[in-house]
Amino acid sequence: MLLLVHPTRPDAQELAAEVAGRLAEAGVAPVALAADIHGTALADCEHLVMADPADPAKDCELVVILGGDGTILRGAELSRGSHAPLLGVNLGHVGFLAEAERDEIGVTVDRIVAHDYTVEERLTLEVVAVHEGVEVFRSWALNEVTVEKASRERMIELTVEIEGRPLSTWGCDGLVMATPTGSTAYAFSAGGPVVWPDVEALLVVPISAHALFARPVVIGPSSHLVVQLAPRTDGMGVLWCDGRRAIDLPVGARVQVQRSNLPVRLARLSASPFTDRLVEKFDLNVHGWRGTGRRA
């Protein structure tokens, strides 16, 4: 089991040491990156195996992540291509991607050892940036791809194409292209809809657009999106993938986004519906509900 830990939180590192000890006692080899354990509580774990920095999740059955959604996104990045599912233990504020909480760690480890979890696949995005016919960037995203203004003082003009046809040109602060998983992240903050994880779709959400038609758009999962920095744009843009990987975009650059063939796999301990997760994470008011449904 690969353990990924928030790098600057002593409480996360202490909890990771506890998890590593429990796994070792159960006959499961805990694996960690050397960069994550130097000078932490994990450094004293005698059963810990050092991960290959080039392929940390190689031969690992599961990636156990202790932190918030940002740490889970890091786990998705480091384990991409390994097919190892991710299981997040929430030490952050909201933790939409996490499956367990800190005070459940004993039960969580027992269920991991017993293989008592299910795995679901989440749609991801493939992104390519091209300038003057030359590919300048290629990456992927679990939550969202954004094209944003580089200068706080200016808007950028973005032209959006769907399936090779123009949709609109917006003077705006940027554009979010999100997956259903990312619909509760940046896209939500920008005014986009919440989309259930099992819905296969892509979201296009303008950020502070100065236009009559500037509503979020939900399109099919096989659609091809292109965003171009229009010639009238004054200054550069920035392309971000999950808020982790970025590149500056000159005027005229084209960003191509489509569904990736490689999903992210998430381990699940609960069979409760997504509605329960929304209510819990957003602290929604359900007072007065008298339905007959029960939590799974």
Protein backbone atom coordinates (compact mmCIF):
# COMPACT_ATOMS: atom_id res chain seq x y z
CA MET A 1 0.00 0.00 0.00
CA LEU A 2 1.41 3.38 -0.99
CA LEU A 3 0.99 6.03 1.71
CA LEU A 4 0.87 9.65 0.55
CA VAL A 5 0.90 12.30 3.24
CA HIS A 6 0.39 16.05 3.38
CA PRO A 7 4.06 17.16 3.42
CA THR A 8 3.81 19.98 5.97
CA ARG A 9 1.31 18.71 8.53
CA PRO A 10 2.77 16.89 11.56
CA ASP A 11 -0.67 15.48 12.46
CA ALA A 12 -0.92 13.86 9.01
CA GLN A 13 2.55 12.41 9.35
CA GLU A 14 1.83 11.00 12.82
CA LEU A 15 -1.38 9.43 11.54
CA ALA A 16 0.51 7.97 8.58
CA ALA A 17 2.99 6.37 10.99
CA GLU A 18 0.07 4.79 12.84
CA VAL A 19 -1.41 3.51 9.57
CA ALA A 20 1.97 2.13 8.49
CA GLY A 21 2.31 0.26 11.79
CA ARG A 22 -1.19 -1.21 11.52
CA LEU A 23 -0.57 -2.33 7.95
CA ALA A 24 2.76 -3.94 8.86
CA GLU A 25 1.13 -5.81 11.75
CA ALA A 26 -1.43 -7.19 9.31
CA GLY A 27 1.29 -8.40 6.94
CA VAL A 28 0.85 -5.59 4.39
CA ALA A 29 3.94 -3.68 3.28
CA PRO A 30 3.53 0.10 3.65
CA VAL A 31 5.31 2.10 0.93
CA ALA A 32 6.20 5.80 0.95
CA LEU A 33 8.26 8.33 -0.95
CA ALA A 34 11.55 9.22 0.71
CA ALA A 35 10.80 12.91 0.17
CA ASP A 36 7.61 12.55 2.24
CA ILE A 37 9.15 10.94 5.30
CA HIS A 38 12.43 12.79 5.87
CA GLY A 39 12.38 14.24 9.38
CA THR A 40 8.82 12.99 10.09
CA ALA A 41 7.25 10.38 12.34
CA LEU A 42 7.27 7.99 9.38
CA ALA A 43 11.08 7.95 9.34
CA ASP A 44 11.13 5.66 12.39
CA CYS A 45 8.80 3.06 10.85
CA GLU A 46 11.08 0.03 10.42
CA HIS A 47 8.72 -1.82 8.07
CA LEU A 48 8.41 1.04 5.58
CA VAL A 49 9.45 0.34 1.98
CA MET A 50 10.84 3.20 -0.13
CA ALA A 51 8.85 3.89 -3.28
CA ASP A 52 10.41 4.38 -6.70
CA PRO A 53 10.21 8.17 -7.29
CA ALA A 54 9.67 7.57 -11.00
CA ASP A 55 6.72 5.21 -10.40
CA PRO A 56 5.61 5.44 -6.75
CA ALA A 57 2.53 3.21 -7.04
CA LYS A 58 4.25 0.40 -8.95
CA ASP A 59 3.04 -3.01 -7.68
CA CYS A 60 0.86 -1.31 -5.03
CA GLU A 61 -2.66 -2.57 -4.46
CA LEU A 62 -3.98 0.72 -3.10
CA VAL A 63 -2.91 4.33 -2.58
CA VAL A 64 -3.90 5.58 0.88
CA ILE A 65 -3.84 9.37 1.08
CA LEU A 66 -3.88 11.36 4.31
CA GLY A 67 -4.74 15.01 3.76
CA GLY A 68 -7.32 17.13 1.97
CA ASP A 69 -8.52 17.15 -1.63
CA GLY A 70 -5.26 18.78 -2.75
CA THR A 71 -3.27 15.83 -1.40
CA ILE A 72 -5.67 13.44 -3.11
CA LEU A 73 -5.12 15.26 -6.43
CA ARG A 74 -1.39 14.83 -5.85
CA GLY A 75 -2.00 11.12 -5.28
CA ALA A 76 -3.91 10.89 -8.54
CA GLU A 77 -1.00 12.56 -10.31
CA LEU A 78 1.69 10.32 -8.82
CA SER A 79 -0.23 7.07 -9.36
CA ARG A 80 -1.55 7.79 -12.84
CA GLY A 81 -1.21 4.77 -15.09
CA SER A 82 -0.75 2.29 -12.24
CA HIS A 83 -4.46 1.37 -11.98
CA ALA A 84 -4.13 1.43 -8.19
CA PRO A 85 -7.31 2.92 -6.62
CA LEU A 86 -7.07 5.95 -4.34
CA LEU A 87 -8.52 5.99 -0.85
CA GLY A 88 -8.48 9.37 0.87
CA VAL A 89 -8.57 9.94 4.63
CA ASN A 90 -9.82 13.49 5.11
CA LEU A 91 -7.65 15.81 7.17
CA GLY A 92 -8.79 18.94 5.33
CA HIS A 93 -11.90 21.10 5.52
CA VAL A 94 -14.40 19.73 2.96
CA GLY A 95 -12.70 16.63 1.56
CA PHE A 96 -15.14 15.87 -1.24
CA LEU A 97 -12.83 13.23 -2.69
CA ALA A 98 -12.04 11.58 0.65
CA GLU A 99 -13.75 8.40 1.75
CA ALA A 100 -12.85 8.21 5.45
CA GLU A 101 -12.33 10.54 8.39
CA ARG A 102 -9.46 10.68 10.87
CA ASP A 103 -11.45 9.20 13.79
CA GLU A 104 -12.33 6.12 11.69
CA ILE A 105 -8.73 5.17 10.92
CA GLY A 106 -8.74 1.84 12.80
CA VAL A 107 -11.84 0.57 11.00
CA THR A 108 -10.55 1.97 7.72
CA VAL A 109 -7.27 0.05 7.94
CA ASP A 110 -9.12 -3.16 8.89
CA ARG A 111 -11.33 -2.83 5.83
CA ILE A 112 -8.36 -2.09 3.58
CA VAL A 113 -6.57 -5.22 4.79
CA ALA A 114 -9.75 -7.28 4.29
CA HIS A 115 -10.24 -5.86 0.78
CA ASP A 116 -13.63 -4.65 1.99
CA TYR A 117 -14.10 -1.82 -0.48
CA THR A 118 -15.46 -1.22 -3.94
CA VAL A 119 -13.82 0.69 -6.78
CA GLU A 120 -15.44 3.26 -9.04
CA GLU A 121 -13.94 4.96 -12.07
CA ARG A 122 -14.04 8.73 -12.57
CA LEU A 123 -13.88 10.44 -15.94
CA THR A 124 -10.73 12.51 -16.54
CA LEU A 125 -9.69 15.09 -19.14
CA GLU A 126 -6.84 15.10 -21.61
CA VAL A 127 -5.51 18.55 -22.53
CA VAL A 128 -3.14 19.71 -25.27
CA ALA A 129 -2.03 23.31 -25.84
CA VAL A 130 -0.86 24.34 -29.32
CA HIS A 131 0.68 27.61 -30.47
CA GLU A 132 1.38 28.36 -34.13
CA GLY A 133 0.94 24.71 -34.97
CA VAL A 134 3.42 23.47 -32.35
CA GLU A 135 2.39 21.47 -29.28
CA VAL A 136 3.64 23.36 -26.22
CA PHE A 137 1.96 21.45 -23.39
CA ARG A 138 0.22 18.13 -22.76
CA SER A 139 -1.34 16.99 -19.50
CA TRP A 140 -4.54 15.72 -17.90
CA ALA A 141 -6.98 16.61 -15.11
CA LEU A 142 -9.34 14.87 -12.71
CA ASN A 143 -11.26 17.97 -11.60
CA GLU A 144 -10.83 20.67 -14.20
CA VAL A 145 -8.81 22.42 -16.86
CA THR A 146 -8.90 26.22 -16.66
CA VAL A 147 -7.74 28.99 -18.96
CA GLU A 148 -7.42 32.20 -16.96
CA LYS A 149 -6.07 35.71 -17.32
CA ALA A 150 -2.46 36.18 -16.29
CA SER A 151 -2.89 39.84 -15.38
CA ARG A 152 -5.27 40.88 -12.63
CA GLU A 153 -6.01 44.22 -14.30
CA ARG A 154 -7.17 42.86 -17.66
CA MET A 155 -9.74 40.47 -19.03
CA ILE A 156 -8.92 37.94 -21.69
CA GLU A 157 -10.99 37.14 -24.76
CA LEU A 158 -11.64 33.45 -25.26
CA THR A 159 -13.35 31.79 -28.21
CA VAL A 160 -14.90 28.40 -27.45
CA GLU A 161 -15.39 25.68 -30.06
CA ILE A 162 -17.41 22.51 -29.55
CA GLU A 163 -17.05 19.75 -32.15
CA GLY A 164 -15.20 22.14 -34.48
CA ARG A 165 -17.93 24.79 -34.44
CA PRO A 166 -17.73 28.15 -32.63
CA LEU A 167 -19.99 28.60 -29.62
CA SER A 168 -19.13 32.10 -28.38
CA THR A 169 -16.36 34.58 -27.65
CA TRP A 170 -16.26 35.92 -24.13
CA GLY A 171 -14.39 38.77 -22.51
CA CYS A 172 -13.89 37.19 -19.13
CA ASP A 173 -11.57 36.29 -16.27
CA GLY A 174 -11.30 32.76 -17.58
CA LEU A 175 -13.05 29.50 -18.38
CA VAL A 176 -13.42 26.25 -16.43
CA MET A 177 -13.75 22.94 -18.27
CA ALA A 178 -14.66 20.38 -15.64
CA THR A 179 -15.56 16.76 -15.10
CA PRO A 180 -18.51 15.66 -12.93
CA THR A 181 -15.96 15.04 -10.16
CA GLY A 182 -14.80 18.64 -10.52
CA SER A 183 -18.34 20.04 -10.56
CA THR A 184 -18.17 20.53 -6.79
CA ALA A 185 -14.77 22.26 -6.96
CA TYR A 186 -13.72 25.34 -8.99
CA ALA A 187 -16.63 24.98 -11.43
CA PHE A 188 -19.07 25.15 -8.51
CA SER A 189 -17.42 28.33 -7.19
CA ALA A 190 -17.75 29.85 -10.68
CA GLY A 191 -21.51 29.17 -10.74
CA GLY A 192 -21.61 25.80 -12.45
CA PRO A 193 -24.08 23.01 -11.66
CA VAL A 194 -23.43 20.03 -9.39
CA VAL A 195 -23.26 16.90 -11.56
CA TRP A 196 -23.58 13.40 -10.09
CA PRO A 197 -20.33 11.41 -10.47
CA ASP A 198 -21.97 8.64 -12.49
CA VAL A 199 -23.16 11.11 -15.14
CA GLU A 200 -20.83 11.10 -18.13
CA ALA A 201 -20.55 14.72 -19.23
CA LEU A 202 -18.20 17.69 -19.52
CA LEU A 203 -18.87 21.15 -18.10
CA VAL A 204 -17.99 24.53 -19.61
CA VAL A 205 -18.25 27.37 -17.06
CA PRO A 206 -17.23 30.96 -17.89
CA ILE A 207 -15.64 32.99 -15.07
CA SER A 208 -17.05 36.53 -14.75
CA ALA A 209 -17.89 36.78 -18.45
CA HIS A 210 -19.11 40.09 -19.91
CA ALA A 211 -21.67 38.66 -22.32
CA LEU A 212 -25.41 38.12 -22.71
CA PHE A 213 -24.90 34.37 -23.12
CA ALA A 214 -22.52 33.35 -20.37
CA ARG A 215 -24.27 30.42 -18.78
CA PRO A 216 -22.63 27.13 -17.84
CA VAL A 217 -22.98 24.49 -20.53
CA VAL A 218 -23.11 20.71 -20.03
CA ILE A 219 -22.01 18.71 -23.07
CA GLY A 220 -21.55 15.07 -24.01
CA PRO A 221 -18.56 13.05 -22.77
CA SER A 222 -17.21 12.48 -26.29
CA SER A 223 -17.31 16.16 -27.24
CA HIS A 224 -14.11 17.91 -28.28
CA LEU A 225 -13.54 21.34 -26.77
CA VAL A 226 -11.17 24.00 -28.05
CA VAL A 227 -10.48 27.30 -26.32
CA GLN A 228 -8.46 29.95 -28.17
CA LEU A 229 -7.01 33.18 -26.84
CA ALA A 230 -8.57 35.61 -29.31
CA PRO A 231 -6.27 38.01 -31.21
CA ARG A 232 -7.77 40.99 -29.37
CA THR A 233 -6.61 39.65 -26.01
CA ASP A 234 -4.25 42.10 -24.32
CA GLY A 235 -1.66 40.02 -22.50
CA MET A 236 -1.09 36.34 -21.80
CA GLY A 237 -3.30 33.66 -20.35
CA VAL A 238 -2.51 30.76 -18.02
CA LEU A 239 -3.56 27.14 -18.45
CA TRP A 240 -4.03 25.15 -15.23
CA CYS A 241 -4.73 21.45 -14.73
CA ASP A 242 -6.30 20.70 -11.33
CA GLY A 243 -4.58 23.80 -9.97
CA ARG A 244 -1.30 21.84 -9.94
CA ARG A 245 0.25 21.97 -13.41
CA ALA A 246 0.40 25.22 -15.38
CA ILE A 247 1.82 26.91 -18.45
CA ASP A 248 1.63 30.47 -19.78
CA LEU A 249 -0.37 30.89 -22.98
CA PRO A 250 0.42 33.53 -25.60
CA VAL A 251 -2.26 35.19 -27.72
CA GLY A 252 -3.50 32.81 -30.40
CA ALA A 253 -2.78 29.65 -28.39
CA ARG A 254 -5.36 26.88 -28.71
CA VAL A 255 -6.22 24.57 -25.84
CA GLN A 256 -7.79 21.25 -26.85
CA VAL A 257 -9.73 19.34 -24.18
CA GLN A 258 -11.43 15.98 -24.44
CA ARG A 259 -12.18 12.91 -22.39
CA SER A 260 -9.11 10.88 -21.48
CA ASN A 261 -8.94 7.15 -22.06
CA LEU A 262 -7.41 6.71 -18.60
CA PRO A 263 -9.87 7.23 -15.71
CA VAL A 264 -8.98 7.70 -12.05
CA ARG A 265 -10.06 4.82 -9.80
CA LEU A 266 -11.41 5.67 -6.34
CA ALA A 267 -11.85 3.13 -3.55
CA ARG A 268 -15.17 3.40 -1.74
CA LEU A 269 -16.05 2.16 1.74
CA SER A 270 -19.65 3.39 1.75
CA ALA A 271 -22.57 2.61 -0.55
CA SER A 272 -24.50 5.73 0.50
CA PRO A 273 -25.78 7.86 -2.38
CA PHE A 274 -24.06 11.03 -3.57
CA THR A 275 -26.94 13.02 -2.07
CA ASP A 276 -25.69 12.14 1.42
CA ARG A 277 -22.19 13.33 0.54
CA LEU A 278 -23.55 16.67 -0.71
CA VAL A 279 -25.60 17.18 2.42
CA GLU A 280 -22.67 16.33 4.69
CA LYS A 281 -19.91 18.24 2.90
CA PHE A 282 -21.96 21.39 2.21
CA ASP A 283 -23.84 21.17 5.52
CA LEU A 284 -27.17 21.45 3.68
CA ASN A 285 -30.37 22.02 5.59
CA VAL A 286 -32.61 18.94 5.41
CA HIS A 287 -34.61 19.77 8.52
CA GLY A 288 -38.19 18.61 8.22
CA TRP A 289 -37.51 15.77 5.78
CA ARG A 290 -39.92 12.90 6.42
CA GLY A 291 -38.94 10.50 3.64
CA THR A 292 -38.53 6.76 4.03
CA GLY A 293 -35.04 6.41 2.56
CA ARG A 294 -32.20 5.29 4.81
CA ARG A 295 -28.50 5.87 4.62
CA ALA A 296 -26.69 2.88 3.14
